[in-house]
């Protein structure tokens, strides 16, 4: 399972080969809320379809259909105090629908929806250099994830301790469906953006340090990363369009429950796919991306992703 945490959003800058050499750089960065004092708001959506079963990284099947669809909408409210320091509040709303075998082996369908764990994050521009032919940005982030999401589905982990063996093994458990962890977690991250003429490379990573939550359940520490090369297709002072080949991944160890390892919770995934980004003047930016798994490694029986789709809009005031 992946509980919602702060994503390291890495935009693309734009530089025209004519007129004002840095106008597009600053216009695009400002539209994404990266530069300039003031407020910005973002709406982001990620949909993930999980319909493949794996046992210890090997595909397997089940006599009962199993799938898990997850949709996470996120509202981000940000304030930049100056060109170097900003603060943002991330508010996720999660919906998950699933089908799995119940305790008798019959097909069970259901869904869970609600507020996820809210995060408060500080962003710092550690280094920035903008020149006519090249650009380099290095950013840092640190924050806290607060236990605002419901962790009631973790009760299933407790119930499984005394339940008799089920006729059909389920790959979807309480830790997959919980909207929150019931814990206060720390977040650390960094990102870079490098450009030469119209070519660029953007990358970022984020580490989530987990503490013990409800029902004596502790989600494992989580490392997420993304990045890749791209090119500015349409430069301009008012409008920019960029395409990036994005590679992303996650490494998460096994959770612990009542002092013992949760065998069906370790995962390492790698995705690849395109991402398109646009900006308009200094007010608006948008991006959309598709991620397809190229490597999926897991422990015990789990349901793993088939694809995910991401989109985000940002307005600056």
C-alpha atoms as a PDB file:
ATOM      1  CA  UNK A   1       0.000   0.000   0.000  1.00  0.00           C
ATOM      2  CA  UNK A   2       1.074   3.572  -0.510  1.00  0.00           C
ATOM      3  CA  UNK A   3      -0.422   6.097   1.875  1.00  0.00           C
ATOM      4  CA  UNK A   4      -0.595   9.533   0.353  1.00  0.00           C
ATOM      5  CA  UNK A   5       2.369  11.700   1.143  1.00  0.00           C
ATOM      6  CA  UNK A   6       3.770  14.838  -0.366  1.00  0.00           C
ATOM      7  CA  UNK A   7       4.892  14.382  -3.938  1.00  0.00           C
ATOM      8  CA  UNK A   8       8.030  16.083  -5.149  1.00  0.00           C
ATOM      9  CA  UNK A   9       6.562  17.998  -8.094  1.00  0.00           C
ATOM     10  CA  UNK A  10       9.263  18.930 -10.567  1.00  0.00           C
ATOM     11  CA  UNK A  11       8.226  21.281 -13.312  1.00  0.00           C
ATOM     12  CA  UNK A  12       9.954  22.263 -16.505  1.00  0.00           C
ATOM     13  CA  UNK A  13      11.383  25.647 -17.281  1.00  0.00           C
ATOM     14  CA  UNK A  14      11.358  27.231 -20.686  1.00  0.00           C
ATOM     15  CA  UNK A  15      13.848  29.359 -22.530  1.00  0.00           C
ATOM     16  CA  UNK A  16      13.238  30.902 -25.958  1.00  0.00           C
ATOM     17  CA  UNK A  17      16.057  31.181 -28.454  1.00  0.00           C
ATOM     18  CA  UNK A  18      15.117  34.774 -29.168  1.00  0.00           C
ATOM     19  CA  UNK A  19      13.881  37.972 -27.508  1.00  0.00           C
ATOM     20  CA  UNK A  20      14.122  37.944 -23.699  1.00  0.00           C
ATOM     21  CA  UNK A  21      16.353  34.968 -22.910  1.00  0.00           C
ATOM     22  CA  UNK A  22      15.127  34.417 -19.363  1.00  0.00           C
ATOM     23  CA  UNK A  23      11.524  35.605 -19.635  1.00  0.00           C
ATOM     24  CA  UNK A  24      10.165  32.105 -20.250  1.00  0.00           C
ATOM     25  CA  UNK A  25      12.229  30.660 -17.417  1.00  0.00           C
ATOM     26  CA  UNK A  26      10.790  33.054 -14.881  1.00  0.00           C
ATOM     27  CA  UNK A  27       7.274  33.001 -16.322  1.00  0.00           C
ATOM     28  CA  UNK A  28       7.066  29.206 -16.206  1.00  0.00           C
ATOM     29  CA  UNK A  29       8.629  28.930 -12.745  1.00  0.00           C
ATOM     30  CA  UNK A  30       6.361  31.637 -11.364  1.00  0.00           C
ATOM     31  CA  UNK A  31       3.266  29.990 -12.867  1.00  0.00           C
ATOM     32  CA  UNK A  32       4.138  26.804 -10.971  1.00  0.00           C
ATOM     33  CA  UNK A  33       4.500  28.760  -7.738  1.00  0.00           C
ATOM     34  CA  UNK A  34       8.276  28.271  -7.592  1.00  0.00           C
ATOM     35  CA  UNK A  35       9.264  31.936  -7.729  1.00  0.00           C
ATOM     36  CA  UNK A  36       7.975  35.186  -6.374  1.00  0.00           C
ATOM     37  CA  UNK A  37       6.260  36.181  -3.169  1.00  0.00           C
ATOM     38  CA  UNK A  38       2.578  35.311  -2.902  1.00  0.00           C
ATOM     39  CA  UNK A  39       0.023  32.512  -2.835  1.00  0.00           C
ATOM     40  CA  UNK A  40      -0.599  29.607  -5.159  1.00  0.00           C
ATOM     41  CA  UNK A  41      -3.076  26.726  -5.208  1.00  0.00           C
ATOM     42  CA  UNK A  42      -2.803  23.359  -6.941  1.00  0.00           C
ATOM     43  CA  UNK A  43      -5.237  20.571  -7.700  1.00  0.00           C
ATOM     44  CA  UNK A  44      -3.686  17.177  -8.407  1.00  0.00           C
ATOM     45  CA  UNK A  45      -5.190  13.802  -9.237  1.00  0.00           C
ATOM     46  CA  UNK A  46      -3.633  10.350  -9.437  1.00  0.00           C
ATOM     47  CA  UNK A  47      -5.510   7.238 -10.525  1.00  0.00           C
ATOM     48  CA  UNK A  48      -3.925   3.822 -10.084  1.00  0.00           C
ATOM     49  CA  UNK A  49      -5.312   0.507 -11.318  1.00  0.00           C
ATOM     50  CA  UNK A  50      -4.035  -2.636  -9.607  1.00  0.00           C
ATOM     51  CA  UNK A  51      -5.219  -5.866 -11.167  1.00  0.00           C
ATOM     52  CA  UNK A  52      -2.177  -8.160 -11.217  1.00  0.00           C
ATOM     53  CA  UNK A  53      -1.377 -10.654  -8.463  1.00  0.00           C
ATOM     54  CA  UNK A  54       2.216 -11.482  -7.583  1.00  0.00           C
ATOM     55  CA  UNK A  55       3.648 -13.954  -5.096  1.00  0.00           C
ATOM     56  CA  UNK A  56       7.215 -13.014  -4.153  1.00  0.00           C
ATOM     57  CA  UNK A  57       7.610 -11.022  -7.412  1.00  0.00           C
ATOM     58  CA  UNK A  58       6.193 -13.821  -9.590  1.00  0.00           C
ATOM     59  CA  UNK A  59       2.814 -13.452 -11.294  1.00  0.00           C
ATOM     60  CA  UNK A  60       0.068 -15.710 -10.041  1.00  0.00           C
ATOM     61  CA  UNK A  61      -3.700 -16.135 -10.330  1.00  0.00           C
ATOM     62  CA  UNK A  62      -6.708 -16.445  -8.058  1.00  0.00           C
ATOM     63  CA  UNK A  63     -10.003 -18.320  -8.518  1.00  0.00           C
ATOM     64  CA  UNK A  64     -11.747 -15.155  -7.314  1.00  0.00           C
ATOM     65  CA  UNK A  65     -11.246 -11.889  -9.283  1.00  0.00           C
ATOM     66  CA  UNK A  66      -9.194  -9.363  -7.339  1.00  0.00           C
ATOM     67  CA  UNK A  67      -8.514  -5.713  -8.136  1.00  0.00           C
ATOM     68  CA  UNK A  68      -7.956  -2.391  -6.407  1.00  0.00           C
ATOM     69  CA  UNK A  69      -8.567   1.018  -8.010  1.00  0.00           C
ATOM     70  CA  UNK A  70      -7.286   4.056  -6.165  1.00  0.00           C
ATOM     71  CA  UNK A  71      -8.045   7.708  -6.845  1.00  0.00           C
ATOM     72  CA  UNK A  72      -6.314  10.433  -4.841  1.00  0.00           C
ATOM     73  CA  UNK A  73      -7.317  14.068  -5.313  1.00  0.00           C
ATOM     74  CA  UNK A  74      -5.021  16.536  -3.592  1.00  0.00           C
ATOM     75  CA  UNK A  75      -5.494  20.213  -2.789  1.00  0.00           C
ATOM     76  CA  UNK A  76      -2.246  22.091  -2.229  1.00  0.00           C
ATOM     77  CA  UNK A  77      -2.298  25.564  -0.673  1.00  0.00           C
ATOM     78  CA  UNK A  78       1.053  27.331  -0.836  1.00  0.00           C
ATOM     79  CA  UNK A  79       2.612  30.617   0.182  1.00  0.00           C
ATOM     80  CA  UNK A  80       6.026  31.863  -0.925  1.00  0.00           C
ATOM     81  CA  UNK A  81       7.516  34.320   1.551  1.00  0.00           C
ATOM     82  CA  UNK A  82      10.178  35.279  -1.017  1.00  0.00           C
ATOM     83  CA  UNK A  83      12.069  33.712  -3.935  1.00  0.00           C
ATOM     84  CA  UNK A  84      13.772  31.173  -1.659  1.00  0.00           C
ATOM     85  CA  UNK A  85      11.375  30.006   1.073  1.00  0.00           C
ATOM     86  CA  UNK A  86       7.805  28.730   0.882  1.00  0.00           C
ATOM     87  CA  UNK A  87       5.278  26.747   2.891  1.00  0.00           C
ATOM     88  CA  UNK A  88       2.505  24.496   1.616  1.00  0.00           C
ATOM     89  CA  UNK A  89      -0.388  22.483   3.033  1.00  0.00           C
ATOM     90  CA  UNK A  90      -1.330  19.255   1.220  1.00  0.00           C
ATOM     91  CA  UNK A  91      -4.878  17.998   1.742  1.00  0.00           C
ATOM     92  CA  UNK A  92      -5.667  14.616   0.102  1.00  0.00           C
ATOM     93  CA  UNK A  93      -9.075  13.055  -0.500  1.00  0.00           C
ATOM     94  CA  UNK A  94      -8.912   9.345  -1.293  1.00  0.00           C
ATOM     95  CA  UNK A  95     -11.317   6.880  -2.898  1.00  0.00           C
ATOM     96  CA  UNK A  96     -10.551   3.178  -3.270  1.00  0.00           C
ATOM     97  CA  UNK A  97     -12.800   0.511  -4.767  1.00  0.00           C
ATOM     98  CA  UNK A  98     -11.927  -3.162  -4.559  1.00  0.00           C
ATOM     99  CA  UNK A  99     -13.002  -6.713  -5.192  1.00  0.00           C
ATOM    100  CA  UNK A 100     -11.525  -9.653  -3.296  1.00  0.00           C
ATOM    101  CA  UNK A 101     -12.486 -12.993  -1.714  1.00  0.00           C
ATOM    102  CA  UNK A 102     -14.153 -12.815   1.686  1.00  0.00           C
ATOM    103  CA  UNK A 103     -13.676 -15.221   4.584  1.00  0.00           C
ATOM    104  CA  UNK A 104     -15.833 -17.839   2.847  1.00  0.00           C
ATOM    105  CA  UNK A 105     -14.141 -17.553  -0.536  1.00  0.00           C
ATOM    106  CA  UNK A 106     -17.031 -15.628  -2.125  1.00  0.00           C
ATOM    107  CA  UNK A 107     -16.492 -12.456  -4.125  1.00  0.00           C
ATOM    108  CA  UNK A 108     -16.654  -9.299  -2.026  1.00  0.00           C
ATOM    109  CA  UNK A 109     -16.923  -5.819  -3.537  1.00  0.00           C
ATOM    110  CA  UNK A 110     -16.564  -2.593  -1.587  1.00  0.00           C
ATOM    111  CA  UNK A 111     -15.083   0.881  -1.415  1.00  0.00           C
ATOM    112  CA  UNK A 112     -13.592   3.343   1.055  1.00  0.00           C
ATOM    113  CA  UNK A 113     -13.498   7.129   0.757  1.00  0.00           C
ATOM    114  CA  UNK A 114     -12.475  10.082   2.864  1.00  0.00           C
ATOM    115  CA  UNK A 115      -9.803  12.490   3.955  1.00  0.00           C
ATOM    116  CA  UNK A 116      -6.226  11.206   3.913  1.00  0.00           C
ATOM    117  CA  UNK A 117      -3.263  12.264   6.017  1.00  0.00           C
ATOM    118  CA  UNK A 118      -2.593  15.996   5.688  1.00  0.00           C
ATOM    119  CA  UNK A 119       1.007  17.184   5.257  1.00  0.00           C
ATOM    120  CA  UNK A 120       2.660  20.501   6.051  1.00  0.00           C
ATOM    121  CA  UNK A 121       5.841  21.072   4.058  1.00  0.00           C
ATOM    122  CA  UNK A 122       8.495  23.788   3.888  1.00  0.00           C
ATOM    123  CA  UNK A 123      10.324  24.328   0.586  1.00  0.00           C
ATOM    124  CA  UNK A 124      13.719  26.022   0.290  1.00  0.00           C
ATOM    125  CA  UNK A 125      15.616  27.037  -2.843  1.00  0.00           C
ATOM    126  CA  UNK A 126      19.142  26.064  -1.842  1.00  0.00           C
ATOM    127  CA  UNK A 127      20.821  27.190  -5.063  1.00  0.00           C
ATOM    128  CA  UNK A 128      19.636  28.857  -8.257  1.00  0.00           C
ATOM    129  CA  UNK A 129      21.494  29.996 -11.341  1.00  0.00           C
ATOM    130  CA  UNK A 130      19.678  31.324 -14.422  1.00  0.00           C
ATOM    131  CA  UNK A 131      21.698  32.262 -17.489  1.00  0.00           C
ATOM    132  CA  UNK A 132      20.982  32.659 -21.186  1.00  0.00           C
ATOM    133  CA  UNK A 133      22.137  29.190 -22.229  1.00  0.00           C
ATOM    134  CA  UNK A 134      21.773  27.213 -19.025  1.00  0.00           C
ATOM    135  CA  UNK A 135      19.841  26.972 -15.770  1.00  0.00           C
ATOM    136  CA  UNK A 136      20.423  25.026 -12.568  1.00  0.00           C
ATOM    137  CA  UNK A 137      18.066  24.842  -9.583  1.00  0.00           C
ATOM    138  CA  UNK A 138      18.470  22.823  -6.383  1.00  0.00           C
ATOM    139  CA  UNK A 139      15.619  22.635  -3.906  1.00  0.00           C
ATOM    140  CA  UNK A 140      15.053  21.084  -0.463  1.00  0.00           C
ATOM    141  CA  UNK A 141      11.896  20.190   1.430  1.00  0.00           C
ATOM    142  CA  UNK A 142      11.039  19.061   4.945  1.00  0.00           C
ATOM    143  CA  UNK A 143       7.700  18.476   6.581  1.00  0.00           C
ATOM    144  CA  UNK A 144       5.328  16.473   8.717  1.00  0.00           C
ATOM    145  CA  UNK A 145       2.495  14.139   7.807  1.00  0.00           C
ATOM    146  CA  UNK A 146      -0.307  14.325  10.359  1.00  0.00           C
ATOM    147  CA  UNK A 147      -2.755  11.515  11.297  1.00  0.00           C
ATOM    148  CA  UNK A 148      -5.937  13.056   9.875  1.00  0.00           C
ATOM    149  CA  UNK A 149      -6.969  10.096   7.719  1.00  0.00           C
ATOM    150  CA  UNK A 150      -9.011   7.215   9.099  1.00  0.00           C
ATOM    151  CA  UNK A 151      -6.919   4.183  10.074  1.00  0.00           C
ATOM    152  CA  UNK A 152      -9.956   2.087  11.043  1.00  0.00           C
ATOM    153  CA  UNK A 153      -9.342  -0.419   8.238  1.00  0.00           C
ATOM    154  CA  UNK A 154      -6.215  -1.545  10.112  1.00  0.00           C
ATOM    155  CA  UNK A 155      -8.660  -3.360  12.399  1.00  0.00           C
ATOM    156  CA  UNK A 156      -8.663  -6.074   9.713  1.00  0.00           C
ATOM    157  CA  UNK A 157      -5.034  -6.821  10.597  1.00  0.00           C
ATOM    158  CA  UNK A 158      -6.132  -7.515  14.179  1.00  0.00           C
ATOM    159  CA  UNK A 159      -9.072  -9.661  13.074  1.00  0.00           C
ATOM    160  CA  UNK A 160      -6.842 -11.818  10.840  1.00  0.00           C
ATOM    161  CA  UNK A 161      -4.855 -12.934  13.884  1.00  0.00           C
ATOM    162  CA  UNK A 162      -7.773 -15.004  15.219  1.00  0.00           C
ATOM    163  CA  UNK A 163      -9.652 -15.766  11.994  1.00  0.00           C
ATOM    164  CA  UNK A 164      -9.519 -19.320  10.604  1.00  0.00           C
ATOM    165  CA  UNK A 165      -7.633 -19.841   7.316  1.00  0.00           C
ATOM    166  CA  UNK A 166      -9.651 -18.578   4.355  1.00  0.00           C
ATOM    167  CA  UNK A 167     -10.368 -20.952   1.431  1.00  0.00           C
ATOM    168  CA  UNK A 168      -8.976 -18.347  -1.006  1.00  0.00           C
ATOM    169  CA  UNK A 169      -6.096 -16.026  -0.136  1.00  0.00           C
ATOM    170  CA  UNK A 170      -6.802 -12.332  -0.474  1.00  0.00           C
ATOM    171  CA  UNK A 171      -4.141  -9.959  -1.806  1.00  0.00           C
ATOM    172  CA  UNK A 172      -5.975  -6.909  -0.426  1.00  0.00           C
ATOM    173  CA  UNK A 173      -5.787  -6.313   3.310  1.00  0.00           C
ATOM    174  CA  UNK A 174      -6.489  -3.625   5.872  1.00  0.00           C
ATOM    175  CA  UNK A 175      -3.172  -1.843   5.310  1.00  0.00           C
ATOM    176  CA  UNK A 176      -4.057  -1.550   1.603  1.00  0.00           C
ATOM    177  CA  UNK A 177      -7.399   0.111   2.335  1.00  0.00           C
ATOM    178  CA  UNK A 178      -6.616   2.378   5.288  1.00  0.00           C
ATOM    179  CA  UNK A 179      -6.955   6.073   4.446  1.00  0.00           C
ATOM    180  CA  UNK A 180      -4.435   7.058   7.111  1.00  0.00           C
ATOM    181  CA  UNK A 181      -1.748   5.511   9.275  1.00  0.00           C
ATOM    182  CA  UNK A 182      -2.627   7.010  12.651  1.00  0.00           C
ATOM    183  CA  UNK A 183       0.989   8.168  12.977  1.00  0.00           C
ATOM    184  CA  UNK A 184       2.982  11.379  12.758  1.00  0.00           C
ATOM    185  CA  UNK A 185       5.628  10.919  10.060  1.00  0.00           C
ATOM    186  CA  UNK A 186       8.591  12.985   8.918  1.00  0.00           C
ATOM    187  CA  UNK A 187       9.274  13.973   5.304  1.00  0.00           C
ATOM    188  CA  UNK A 188      12.578  14.961   3.691  1.00  0.00           C
ATOM    189  CA  UNK A 189      13.262  15.581   0.029  1.00  0.00           C
ATOM    190  CA  UNK A 190      15.385  17.245  -2.604  1.00  0.00           C
ATOM    191  CA  UNK A 191      15.027  18.138  -6.273  1.00  0.00           C
ATOM    192  CA  UNK A 192      17.184  19.413  -9.118  1.00  0.00           C
ATOM    193  CA  UNK A 193      16.474  21.049 -12.458  1.00  0.00           C
ATOM    194  CA  UNK A 194      19.194  21.517 -15.069  1.00  0.00           C
ATOM    195  CA  UNK A 195      18.749  23.066 -18.531  1.00  0.00           C
ATOM    196  CA  UNK A 196      20.982  23.582 -21.545  1.00  0.00           C
ATOM    197  CA  UNK A 197      19.273  25.565 -24.298  1.00  0.00           C
ATOM    198  CA  UNK A 198      15.971  23.699 -24.887  1.00  0.00           C
ATOM    199  CA  UNK A 199      17.041  20.418 -23.289  1.00  0.00           C
ATOM    200  CA  UNK A 200      16.564  19.797 -19.567  1.00  0.00           C
ATOM    201  CA  UNK A 201      16.798  17.189 -16.843  1.00  0.00           C
ATOM    202  CA  UNK A 202      14.513  17.257 -13.798  1.00  0.00           C
ATOM    203  CA  UNK A 203      14.605  14.858 -10.854  1.00  0.00           C
ATOM    204  CA  UNK A 204      13.573  14.608  -7.237  1.00  0.00           C
ATOM    205  CA  UNK A 205      13.459  12.215  -4.321  1.00  0.00           C
ATOM    206  CA  UNK A 206      11.532  12.049  -1.055  1.00  0.00           C
ATOM    207  CA  UNK A 207      12.010   9.969   2.074  1.00  0.00           C
ATOM    208  CA  UNK A 208       9.175   9.300   4.530  1.00  0.00           C
ATOM    209  CA  UNK A 209      10.139   8.297   8.055  1.00  0.00           C
ATOM    210  CA  UNK A 210       7.255   6.389   9.627  1.00  0.00           C
ATOM    211  CA  UNK A 211       6.357   6.100  13.293  1.00  0.00           C
ATOM    212  CA  UNK A 212       4.025   3.628  14.967  1.00  0.00           C
ATOM    213  CA  UNK A 213       0.338   4.271  14.349  1.00  0.00           C
ATOM    214  CA  UNK A 214      -2.993   2.803  15.356  1.00  0.00           C
ATOM    215  CA  UNK A 215      -3.435  -0.851  16.364  1.00  0.00           C
ATOM    216  CA  UNK A 216       0.332  -1.110  16.986  1.00  0.00           C
ATOM    217  CA  UNK A 217       0.859  -1.014  13.209  1.00  0.00           C
ATOM    218  CA  UNK A 218       3.919   0.728  11.748  1.00  0.00           C
ATOM    219  CA  UNK A 219       4.217   1.350   8.038  1.00  0.00           C
ATOM    220  CA  UNK A 220       7.760   0.903   6.751  1.00  0.00           C
ATOM    221  CA  UNK A 221       9.934   3.856   5.799  1.00  0.00           C
ATOM    222  CA  UNK A 222       9.374   4.811   2.182  1.00  0.00           C
ATOM    223  CA  UNK A 223      11.730   6.190  -0.490  1.00  0.00           C
ATOM    224  CA  UNK A 224      10.176   7.666  -3.646  1.00  0.00           C
ATOM    225  CA  UNK A 225      11.960   9.206  -6.626  1.00  0.00           C
ATOM    226  CA  UNK A 226      11.249  10.481 -10.120  1.00  0.00           C
ATOM    227  CA  UNK A 227      13.011  12.226 -12.967  1.00  0.00           C
ATOM    228  CA  UNK A 228      14.244  12.137 -16.506  1.00  0.00           C
ATOM    229  CA  UNK A 229      15.299  14.134 -19.568  1.00  0.00           C
ATOM    230  CA  UNK A 230      13.009  16.410 -21.536  1.00  0.00           C
ATOM    231  CA  UNK A 231      12.816  19.077 -24.187  1.00  0.00           C
ATOM    232  CA  UNK A 232      11.049  22.376 -24.593  1.00  0.00           C
ATOM    233  CA  UNK A 233       8.837  21.952 -27.650  1.00  0.00           C
ATOM    234  CA  UNK A 234       7.202  25.386 -27.708  1.00  0.00           C
ATOM    235  CA  UNK A 235       9.003  28.334 -26.074  1.00  0.00           C
ATOM    236  CA  UNK A 236       7.467  31.709 -25.501  1.00  0.00           C
ATOM    237  CA  UNK A 237       6.960  34.545 -23.060  1.00  0.00           C
ATOM    238  CA  UNK A 238       3.264  33.743 -22.576  1.00  0.00           C
ATOM    239  CA  UNK A 239       3.019  30.017 -23.392  1.00  0.00           C
ATOM    240  CA  UNK A 240       5.391  27.068 -23.019  1.00  0.00           C
ATOM    241  CA  UNK A 241       5.044  23.370 -23.851  1.00  0.00           C
ATOM    242  CA  UNK A 242       7.496  20.694 -22.742  1.00  0.00           C
ATOM    243  CA  UNK A 243       7.747  16.908 -23.006  1.00  0.00           C
ATOM    244  CA  UNK A 244       9.651  14.753 -20.523  1.00  0.00           C
ATOM    245  CA  UNK A 245      10.537  11.056 -20.425  1.00  0.00           C
ATOM    246  CA  UNK A 246       9.786  10.372 -16.776  1.00  0.00           C
ATOM    247  CA  UNK A 247      11.130   7.440 -14.765  1.00  0.00           C
ATOM    248  CA  UNK A 248       9.894   7.021 -11.195  1.00  0.00           C
ATOM    249  CA  UNK A 249       9.990   4.459  -8.454  1.00  0.00           C
ATOM    250  CA  UNK A 250       9.381   3.537  -4.843  1.00  0.00           C
ATOM    251  CA  UNK A 251      11.198   1.336  -2.350  1.00  0.00           C
ATOM    252  CA  UNK A 252       9.396   0.349   0.822  1.00  0.00           C
ATOM    253  CA  UNK A 253      10.350  -2.328   3.326  1.00  0.00           C
ATOM    254  CA  UNK A 254       8.039  -4.592   5.260  1.00  0.00           C
ATOM    255  CA  UNK A 255       5.655  -3.036   7.764  1.00  0.00           C
ATOM    256  CA  UNK A 256       5.609  -4.191  11.373  1.00  0.00           C
ATOM    257  CA  UNK A 257       2.503  -5.236  13.276  1.00  0.00           C
ATOM    258  CA  UNK A 258       2.583  -5.944  16.992  1.00  0.00           C
ATOM    259  CA  UNK A 259       6.345  -6.290  16.795  1.00  0.00           C
ATOM    260  CA  UNK A 260       6.342  -8.783  13.911  1.00  0.00           C
ATOM    261  CA  UNK A 261       6.883  -8.239  10.204  1.00  0.00           C
ATOM    262  CA  UNK A 262       3.883  -7.921   7.908  1.00  0.00           C
ATOM    263  CA  UNK A 263       5.121 -10.253   5.189  1.00  0.00           C
ATOM    264  CA  UNK A 264       2.771  -8.955   2.472  1.00  0.00           C
ATOM    265  CA  UNK A 265       3.885  -5.313   2.546  1.00  0.00           C
ATOM    266  CA  UNK A 266       7.384  -4.936   1.063  1.00  0.00           C
ATOM    267  CA  UNK A 267       7.582  -3.512  -2.460  1.00  0.00           C
ATOM    268  CA  UNK A 268      10.017  -2.001  -4.966  1.00  0.00           C
ATOM    269  CA  UNK A 269       8.549  -0.566  -8.161  1.00  0.00           C
ATOM    270  CA  UNK A 270       9.925   1.253 -11.200  1.00  0.00           C
ATOM    271  CA  UNK A 271       7.706   3.109 -13.699  1.00  0.00           C
ATOM    272  CA  UNK A 272       8.363   4.798 -17.037  1.00  0.00           C
ATOM    273  CA  UNK A 273       6.197   7.025 -19.178  1.00  0.00           C
ATOM    274  CA  UNK A 274       5.732  10.427 -20.814  1.00  0.00           C
ATOM    275  CA  UNK A 275       4.843  13.675 -19.081  1.00  0.00           C
ATOM    276  CA  UNK A 276       3.575  16.819 -20.802  1.00  0.00           C
ATOM    277  CA  UNK A 277       3.740  20.230 -19.104  1.00  0.00           C
ATOM    278  CA  UNK A 278       2.372  23.612 -20.163  1.00  0.00           C
ATOM    279  CA  UNK A 279       2.435  27.080 -18.629  1.00  0.00           C
ATOM    280  CA  UNK A 280       0.481  30.231 -19.472  1.00  0.00           C
ATOM    281  CA  UNK A 281       1.913  33.605 -18.524  1.00  0.00           C
ATOM    282  CA  UNK A 282       2.737  33.764 -14.814  1.00  0.00           C
ATOM    283  CA  UNK A 283      -0.639  32.537 -13.610  1.00  0.00           C
ATOM    284  CA  UNK A 284      -1.284  28.980 -14.753  1.00  0.00           C
ATOM    285  CA  UNK A 285       0.521  25.665 -15.242  1.00  0.00           C
ATOM    286  CA  UNK A 286      -0.676  22.148 -15.995  1.00  0.00           C
ATOM    287  CA  UNK A 287       0.876  18.730 -16.398  1.00  0.00           C
ATOM    288  CA  UNK A 288      -0.295  15.220 -17.210  1.00  0.00           C
ATOM    289  CA  UNK A 289       1.653  11.977 -17.156  1.00  0.00           C
ATOM    290  CA  UNK A 290       1.227   8.241 -17.600  1.00  0.00           C
ATOM    291  CA  UNK A 291       3.294   5.703 -15.641  1.00  0.00           C
ATOM    292  CA  UNK A 292       3.680   2.089 -16.750  1.00  0.00           C
ATOM    293  CA  UNK A 293       5.477  -0.425 -14.499  1.00  0.00           C
ATOM    294  CA  UNK A 294       8.722  -1.813 -15.890  1.00  0.00           C
ATOM    295  CA  UNK A 295       9.839  -3.583 -12.699  1.00  0.00           C
ATOM    296  CA  UNK A 296       7.683  -4.860  -9.820  1.00  0.00           C
ATOM    297  CA  UNK A 297       9.195  -6.716  -6.881  1.00  0.00           C
ATOM    298  CA  UNK A 298       7.159  -7.595  -3.800  1.00  0.00           C
ATOM    299  CA  UNK A 299       7.067  -9.856  -0.777  1.00  0.00           C
ATOM    300  CA  UNK A 300       4.441 -12.596  -0.265  1.00  0.00           C
ATOM    301  CA  UNK A 301       1.057 -12.244  -2.028  1.00  0.00           C
ATOM    302  CA  UNK A 302       0.185  -8.718  -3.144  1.00  0.00           C
ATOM    303  CA  UNK A 303      -1.803  -6.939  -5.824  1.00  0.00           C
ATOM    304  CA  UNK A 304       0.447  -4.697  -7.910  1.00  0.00           C
ATOM    305  CA  UNK A 305      -0.145  -1.754 -10.291  1.00  0.00           C
ATOM    306  CA  UNK A 306      -0.907  -2.122 -13.995  1.00  0.00           C
ATOM    307  CA  UNK A 307      -0.758   1.623 -14.699  1.00  0.00           C
ATOM    308  CA  UNK A 308      -1.316   5.027 -13.163  1.00  0.00           C
ATOM    309  CA  UNK A 309      -2.333   8.410 -14.562  1.00  0.00           C
ATOM    310  CA  UNK A 310      -1.357  11.759 -13.029  1.00  0.00           C
ATOM    311  CA  UNK A 311      -2.571  15.303 -13.650  1.00  0.00           C
ATOM    312  CA  UNK A 312      -2.091  18.634 -11.887  1.00  0.00           C
ATOM    313  CA  UNK A 313      -3.183  22.266 -12.257  1.00  0.00           C
ATOM    314  CA  UNK A 314      -1.621  25.270 -10.498  1.00  0.00           C
ATOM    315  CA  UNK A 315      -2.849  28.843 -10.204  1.00  0.00           C
ATOM    316  CA  UNK A 316      -0.788  31.699  -8.803  1.00  0.00           C
ATOM    317  CA  UNK A 317      -2.369  34.772  -7.239  1.00  0.00           C
END
